[in-house]
């Protein structure tokens, strides 16, 4: 099965790191977000070809995919950021059968094998949330099929948030829906939404089954990225150094690669530190530090620090740092 992956976005909530690193390639627990998504697809045995919609830092995305995944891939540039429907529409010339559409800024625990079992024209995966006002939510009938999808409702008509993972068996009607959406007035910021195309499918009598995921982990902004880091560390990605000096205190869970120097430091909980980094006389908690980072006589908490950064004699809280630029988390 072909998989459409829209990746043209700029990842503005992870700036300044995403000036240099495409959002799907931001590391969490020592690996790019995209790696975890690819593993889930490969485990399900559903992956024949990737259709990747690129934009921001497209050369880096293409280089990474070609060098890390042994799977046919084609790349289509979204030159105008006209929304999720516009992105998926660019894949139309290459789709000739059922497809999966997945937005690679979230991780999920989902049984993708149900695509072979469910009698429906498509499947939308959701997760029940408390802050339903932030999401597109899906309303279902008693049999579990979608009746409507509503973006950021003001009242709790549903708490089942669309997580950005969809299987579409009736791909022809999906693209008819995208045509319909893109001929209608755009939404905020001139964007056309893929969710409106799913509503079109339902309005035309198509059956979209709604499946609940076991877990959903957002990597699109700093606080949720760090929560995802914690989840991964608590579920198999933790890694402690083979030897720890007596002046170093480690609070599990942590992920610390080989080649990290630790002296007179407190590390953790929920910390990932990549190779070549040096932590001296400092405390690091609930943070992700890239390769070759140097922290001396400092405290770093709730922050995302890029490669080759230096932090000395200061406290960095709830921030993103890269290329010497420090910005509050958004």
Protein backbone atom coordinates (compact mmCIF):
# COMPACT_ATOMS: atom_id res chain seq x y z
CA UNK A 1 0.00 0.00 0.00
CA UNK A 2 1.15 3.54 -0.72
CA UNK A 3 1.54 5.98 2.14
CA UNK A 4 1.13 9.75 1.74
CA UNK A 5 3.19 11.79 4.21
CA UNK A 6 2.65 15.57 4.18
CA UNK A 7 5.86 17.20 5.49
CA UNK A 8 5.91 20.70 4.05
CA UNK A 9 5.27 22.58 7.30
CA UNK A 10 7.87 24.81 8.93
CA UNK A 11 7.43 23.57 12.49
CA UNK A 12 7.19 27.10 13.87
CA UNK A 13 6.41 25.93 17.42
CA UNK A 14 9.88 24.35 17.61
CA UNK A 15 11.81 27.39 16.43
CA UNK A 16 14.71 28.13 16.26
CA UNK A 17 15.62 24.41 15.96
CA UNK A 18 13.37 23.91 12.95
CA UNK A 19 15.21 26.59 10.98
CA UNK A 20 17.87 23.88 10.56
CA UNK A 21 16.07 20.58 11.23
CA UNK A 22 12.83 19.51 9.48
CA UNK A 23 10.15 18.83 12.10
CA UNK A 24 9.86 15.08 11.27
CA UNK A 25 13.63 14.74 11.83
CA UNK A 26 13.69 16.32 15.29
CA UNK A 27 15.08 13.73 17.70
CA UNK A 28 13.13 12.32 20.62
CA UNK A 29 14.73 9.67 22.85
CA UNK A 30 17.70 9.63 20.50
CA UNK A 31 15.90 9.06 17.19
CA UNK A 32 14.02 11.20 14.67
CA UNK A 33 10.25 11.22 15.09
CA UNK A 34 9.92 9.84 11.56
CA UNK A 35 11.82 6.66 12.48
CA UNK A 36 9.18 5.65 15.00
CA UNK A 37 6.39 6.25 12.50
CA UNK A 38 8.18 4.20 9.84
CA UNK A 39 8.66 1.33 12.28
CA UNK A 40 4.91 1.26 13.01
CA UNK A 41 4.11 1.15 9.29
CA UNK A 42 6.66 -1.57 8.59
CA UNK A 43 5.43 -3.70 11.50
CA UNK A 44 1.96 -3.62 9.99
CA UNK A 45 3.30 -4.78 6.63
CA UNK A 46 1.41 -2.03 4.83
CA UNK A 47 4.24 -0.15 3.18
CA UNK A 48 4.96 -0.40 -0.56
CA UNK A 49 5.81 3.19 -1.50
CA UNK A 50 6.13 6.56 0.20
CA UNK A 51 4.71 9.70 -1.39
CA UNK A 52 6.28 12.49 0.61
CA UNK A 53 4.99 16.04 0.26
CA UNK A 54 7.96 18.30 0.94
CA UNK A 55 8.49 22.01 1.38
CA UNK A 56 10.58 23.47 4.20
CA UNK A 57 14.14 22.02 4.14
CA UNK A 58 13.06 19.57 1.43
CA UNK A 59 16.62 18.55 0.51
CA UNK A 60 17.29 17.35 4.08
CA UNK A 61 14.08 15.34 4.14
CA UNK A 62 14.84 13.69 0.82
CA UNK A 63 18.43 12.91 1.76
CA UNK A 64 17.41 11.33 5.06
CA UNK A 65 14.66 9.17 3.57
CA UNK A 66 16.84 7.91 0.73
CA UNK A 67 19.75 7.06 3.05
CA UNK A 68 17.79 5.49 5.91
CA UNK A 69 14.82 3.58 4.46
CA UNK A 70 14.95 0.76 1.94
CA UNK A 71 11.58 1.58 0.42
CA UNK A 72 10.56 3.23 -2.87
CA UNK A 73 9.87 6.92 -2.29
CA UNK A 74 8.84 9.85 -4.44
CA UNK A 75 8.97 13.48 -3.39
CA UNK A 76 6.54 16.21 -4.42
CA UNK A 77 7.11 19.81 -3.39
CA UNK A 78 4.20 21.81 -1.94
CA UNK A 79 5.23 25.24 -3.18
CA UNK A 80 2.10 26.95 -1.83
CA UNK A 81 1.23 26.05 1.76
CA UNK A 82 -2.50 25.84 1.15
CA UNK A 83 -3.33 23.31 3.84
CA UNK A 84 -3.65 19.59 4.35
CA UNK A 85 -6.07 19.06 1.47
CA UNK A 86 -3.70 20.91 -0.84
CA UNK A 87 -0.82 18.73 0.33
CA UNK A 88 -2.60 15.42 -0.21
CA UNK A 89 -3.93 16.62 -3.58
CA UNK A 90 -0.35 16.75 -4.85
CA UNK A 91 -0.15 12.96 -4.47
CA UNK A 92 -3.13 12.39 -6.77
CA UNK A 93 -1.14 11.49 -9.94
CA UNK A 94 0.63 8.67 -8.09
CA UNK A 95 -2.33 7.08 -6.27
CA UNK A 96 -4.02 4.12 -7.94
CA UNK A 97 -5.46 2.26 -4.99
CA UNK A 98 -6.13 2.39 -1.23
CA UNK A 99 -3.73 4.65 0.69
CA UNK A 100 -2.69 5.60 4.18
CA UNK A 101 -2.35 9.31 4.95
CA UNK A 102 -0.20 10.12 7.95
CA UNK A 103 1.12 13.37 9.37
CA UNK A 104 4.58 12.75 10.76
CA UNK A 105 4.57 14.91 13.86
CA UNK A 106 2.86 12.45 16.17
CA UNK A 107 3.56 8.96 17.45
CA UNK A 108 0.80 6.46 18.07
CA UNK A 109 -0.04 3.01 19.37
CA UNK A 110 -2.43 1.72 16.73
CA UNK A 111 -3.30 -1.60 15.17
CA UNK A 112 -2.85 -0.83 11.48
CA UNK A 113 -3.62 -4.41 10.53
CA UNK A 114 -7.34 -3.64 10.87
CA UNK A 115 -7.22 -2.10 7.38
CA UNK A 116 -7.48 -5.69 6.14
CA UNK A 117 -10.45 -6.54 8.37
CA UNK A 118 -12.80 -3.57 8.63
CA UNK A 119 -15.72 -3.31 6.20
CA UNK A 120 -15.53 0.40 5.42
CA UNK A 121 -14.49 2.92 2.79
CA UNK A 122 -11.84 4.21 5.16
CA UNK A 123 -10.63 4.40 8.76
CA UNK A 124 -9.88 7.45 10.87
CA UNK A 125 -7.90 6.91 14.04
CA UNK A 126 -8.75 9.06 17.06
CA UNK A 127 -7.87 9.53 20.71
CA UNK A 128 -10.18 10.77 23.44
CA UNK A 129 -8.90 14.05 24.91
CA UNK A 130 -9.96 16.53 27.55
CA UNK A 131 -8.92 19.70 25.66
CA UNK A 132 -11.19 18.95 22.69
CA UNK A 133 -11.27 22.65 21.72
CA UNK A 134 -7.72 22.34 20.31
CA UNK A 135 -8.50 19.62 17.78
CA UNK A 136 -10.68 18.41 15.01
CA UNK A 137 -13.06 15.98 16.70
CA UNK A 138 -15.01 13.10 15.20
CA UNK A 139 -18.66 12.30 15.93
CA UNK A 140 -19.75 8.70 15.37
CA UNK A 141 -22.96 6.71 15.16
CA UNK A 142 -23.71 3.72 17.39
CA UNK A 143 -21.86 1.38 15.04
CA UNK A 144 -18.65 3.44 15.25
CA UNK A 145 -18.83 5.11 11.84
CA UNK A 146 -18.17 8.82 11.40
CA UNK A 147 -21.15 11.12 11.00
CA UNK A 148 -19.25 14.40 11.09
CA UNK A 149 -15.90 15.97 11.90
CA UNK A 150 -15.70 19.40 13.48
CA UNK A 151 -12.60 21.59 13.84
CA UNK A 152 -12.00 23.01 17.33
CA UNK A 153 -15.59 22.89 18.64
CA UNK A 154 -16.66 25.29 21.37
CA UNK A 155 -18.93 22.67 22.94
CA UNK A 156 -18.02 19.02 23.68
CA UNK A 157 -19.96 17.38 20.85
CA UNK A 158 -17.13 14.83 20.91
CA UNK A 159 -13.82 14.31 22.65
CA UNK A 160 -12.41 11.99 20.00
CA UNK A 161 -9.58 13.96 18.43
CA UNK A 162 -8.41 13.24 14.92
CA UNK A 163 -4.72 12.30 15.33
CA UNK A 164 -3.71 12.65 11.67
CA UNK A 165 -3.65 8.94 10.76
CA UNK A 166 -6.12 7.79 8.10
CA UNK A 167 -6.65 4.83 5.79
CA UNK A 168 -8.69 5.45 2.65
CA UNK A 169 -9.98 2.48 0.68
CA UNK A 170 -12.21 4.56 -1.62
CA UNK A 171 -9.46 6.83 -2.83
CA UNK A 172 -11.46 8.09 -5.80
CA UNK A 173 -14.14 9.64 -3.58
CA UNK A 174 -11.41 11.10 -1.35
CA UNK A 175 -9.96 13.02 -4.28
CA UNK A 176 -13.45 14.03 -5.43
CA UNK A 177 -13.85 15.45 -1.93
CA UNK A 178 -10.55 17.29 -2.16
CA UNK A 179 -11.70 18.79 -5.49
CA UNK A 180 -14.88 19.95 -3.78
CA UNK A 181 -12.97 21.43 -0.85
CA UNK A 182 -10.49 23.31 -3.02
CA UNK A 183 -13.29 24.87 -5.05
CA UNK A 184 -14.86 26.19 -1.84
CA UNK A 185 -13.69 29.28 0.08
CA UNK A 186 -10.50 28.52 2.04
CA UNK A 187 -10.31 28.51 5.81
CA UNK A 188 -8.08 30.56 8.07
CA UNK A 189 -4.79 31.55 6.44
CA UNK A 190 -5.96 30.47 3.00
CA UNK A 191 -5.84 26.78 3.92
CA UNK A 192 -7.97 23.89 2.68
CA UNK A 193 -8.53 21.07 5.18
CA UNK A 194 -8.39 17.36 4.49
CA UNK A 195 -10.99 16.82 7.20
CA UNK A 196 -13.54 18.58 4.97
CA UNK A 197 -12.84 15.99 2.28
CA UNK A 198 -13.65 13.23 4.78
CA UNK A 199 -16.90 15.02 5.58
CA UNK A 200 -17.64 15.08 1.84
CA UNK A 201 -17.12 11.31 1.70
CA UNK A 202 -19.58 10.73 4.55
CA UNK A 203 -22.11 13.13 3.02
CA UNK A 204 -21.91 11.05 -0.17
CA UNK A 205 -22.83 7.92 1.77
CA UNK A 206 -19.35 6.50 2.28
CA UNK A 207 -18.56 4.64 5.51
CA UNK A 208 -15.55 5.82 7.52
CA UNK A 209 -14.89 3.64 10.56
CA UNK A 210 -13.46 5.41 13.61
CA UNK A 211 -10.83 3.46 15.57
CA UNK A 212 -9.38 4.49 18.93
CA UNK A 213 -5.59 4.38 19.34
CA UNK A 214 -4.04 3.06 22.53
CA UNK A 215 -1.72 6.03 22.80
CA UNK A 216 -1.04 9.27 20.96
CA UNK A 217 2.09 11.33 21.52
CA UNK A 218 2.41 14.78 19.99
CA UNK A 219 5.84 15.93 18.80
CA UNK A 220 4.74 19.26 17.37
CA UNK A 221 5.54 21.55 20.29
CA UNK A 222 8.04 21.59 23.12
CA UNK A 223 5.93 20.52 26.10
CA UNK A 224 4.29 17.62 24.27
CA UNK A 225 7.60 16.61 22.63
CA UNK A 226 9.11 16.31 26.11
CA UNK A 227 6.09 14.30 27.29
CA UNK A 228 6.66 11.98 24.33
CA UNK A 229 10.34 11.71 25.25
CA UNK A 230 9.30 10.68 28.76
CA UNK A 231 6.86 8.08 27.43
CA UNK A 232 9.51 6.53 25.19
CA UNK A 233 12.06 6.45 28.00
CA UNK A 234 9.54 4.73 30.26
CA UNK A 235 8.72 2.16 27.57
CA UNK A 236 12.01 0.72 26.37
CA UNK A 237 14.15 3.60 25.12
CA UNK A 238 15.98 4.37 28.39
CA UNK A 239 19.76 4.00 28.35
CA UNK A 240 22.18 4.62 31.21
CA UNK A 241 25.96 4.98 30.89
CA UNK A 242 27.97 1.83 31.59
CA UNK A 243 29.97 3.67 34.24
CA UNK A 244 28.87 6.63 36.33
CA UNK A 245 31.29 8.72 38.42
CA UNK A 246 30.57 9.12 42.12
CA UNK A 247 29.91 12.84 41.65
CA UNK A 248 27.15 12.16 39.11
CA UNK A 249 23.54 11.51 40.12
CA UNK A 250 21.17 9.99 37.60
CA UNK A 251 17.41 10.08 38.10
CA UNK A 252 15.71 7.57 35.84
CA UNK A 253 14.50 7.43 33.17
CA UNK A 254 17.26 8.83 30.96
CA UNK A 255 18.76 8.19 27.53
CA UNK A 256 22.50 8.92 27.49
CA UNK A 257 24.54 7.90 24.47
CA UNK A 258 28.13 6.66 24.50
CA UNK A 259 30.65 9.49 24.35
CA UNK A 260 28.83 11.78 26.80
CA UNK A 261 31.07 13.27 29.53
CA UNK A 262 29.43 13.78 32.92
CA UNK A 263 31.16 15.41 35.90
CA UNK A 264 29.60 16.78 39.10
CA UNK A 265 26.16 16.63 37.50
CA UNK A 266 22.57 15.64 38.19
CA UNK A 267 20.82 14.18 35.16
CA UNK A 268 17.12 13.36 34.97
CA UNK A 269 14.45 12.46 35.12
CA UNK A 270 13.20 12.41 31.52
CA UNK A 271 16.41 13.51 29.86
CA UNK A 272 17.97 12.52 26.51
CA UNK A 273 21.59 13.49 25.77
CA UNK A 274 23.31 12.63 22.50
CA UNK A 275 26.92 11.68 21.80
CA UNK A 276 29.79 14.13 22.18
CA UNK A 277 28.07 16.22 24.83
CA UNK A 278 29.73 17.42 28.03
CA UNK A 279 27.86 18.23 31.24
CA UNK A 280 29.98 19.81 34.01
CA UNK A 281 28.70 21.05 37.39
CA UNK A 282 25.15 21.22 36.06
CA UNK A 283 21.62 19.92 36.48
CA UNK A 284 19.57 18.69 33.51
CA UNK A 285 15.91 17.69 33.90
CA UNK A 286 13.02 16.98 31.52
CA UNK A 287 15.02 18.07 28.46
CA UNK A 288 16.48 16.86 25.17
CA UNK A 289 20.10 17.79 24.33
CA UNK A 290 21.56 17.25 20.87
CA UNK A 291 25.03 16.14 19.81
CA UNK A 292 28.13 17.96 21.00
CA UNK A 293 26.30 20.13 23.53
CA UNK A 294 28.36 21.71 26.33
CA UNK A 295 26.68 22.66 29.61
CA UNK A 296 28.82 24.09 32.43
CA UNK A 297 27.69 25.44 35.80
CA UNK A 298 24.15 25.69 34.52
CA UNK A 299 20.62 24.34 34.89
CA UNK A 300 18.51 23.17 31.95
CA UNK A 301 14.87 22.23 32.54
CA UNK A 302 11.92 21.70 30.21
CA UNK A 303 13.97 22.60 27.15
CA UNK A 304 15.00 21.41 23.70
CA UNK A 305 18.67 22.09 22.92
CA UNK A 306 20.11 21.60 19.43
CA UNK A 307 23.50 20.26 18.35
CA UNK A 308 26.77 21.97 19.28
CA UNK A 309 25.23 24.46 21.71
CA UNK A 310 27.05 25.93 24.70
CA UNK A 311 25.27 26.88 27.93
CA UNK A 312 27.43 28.25 30.72
CA UNK A 313 26.62 29.88 34.06
CA UNK A 314 22.91 30.33 33.39
CA UNK A 315 19.50 28.77 33.83
CA UNK A 316 17.56 27.71 30.75
CA UNK A 317 13.89 26.93 31.38
CA UNK A 318 11.06 26.04 29.00
CA UNK A 319 13.01 27.10 25.91
CA UNK A 320 14.37 26.02 22.53
CA UNK A 321 18.02 26.72 21.68
CA UNK A 322 19.83 26.21 18.39
CA UNK A 323 22.57 27.98 16.43
CA UNK A 324 23.19 30.18 19.46
CA UNK A 325 19.62 31.46 19.43
CA UNK A 326 17.37 30.99 22.46
CA UNK A 327 13.59 31.29 22.29
CA UNK A 328 10.77 30.62 24.77
CA UNK A 329 8.87 27.39 24.17
CA UNK A 330 5.60 27.82 22.31
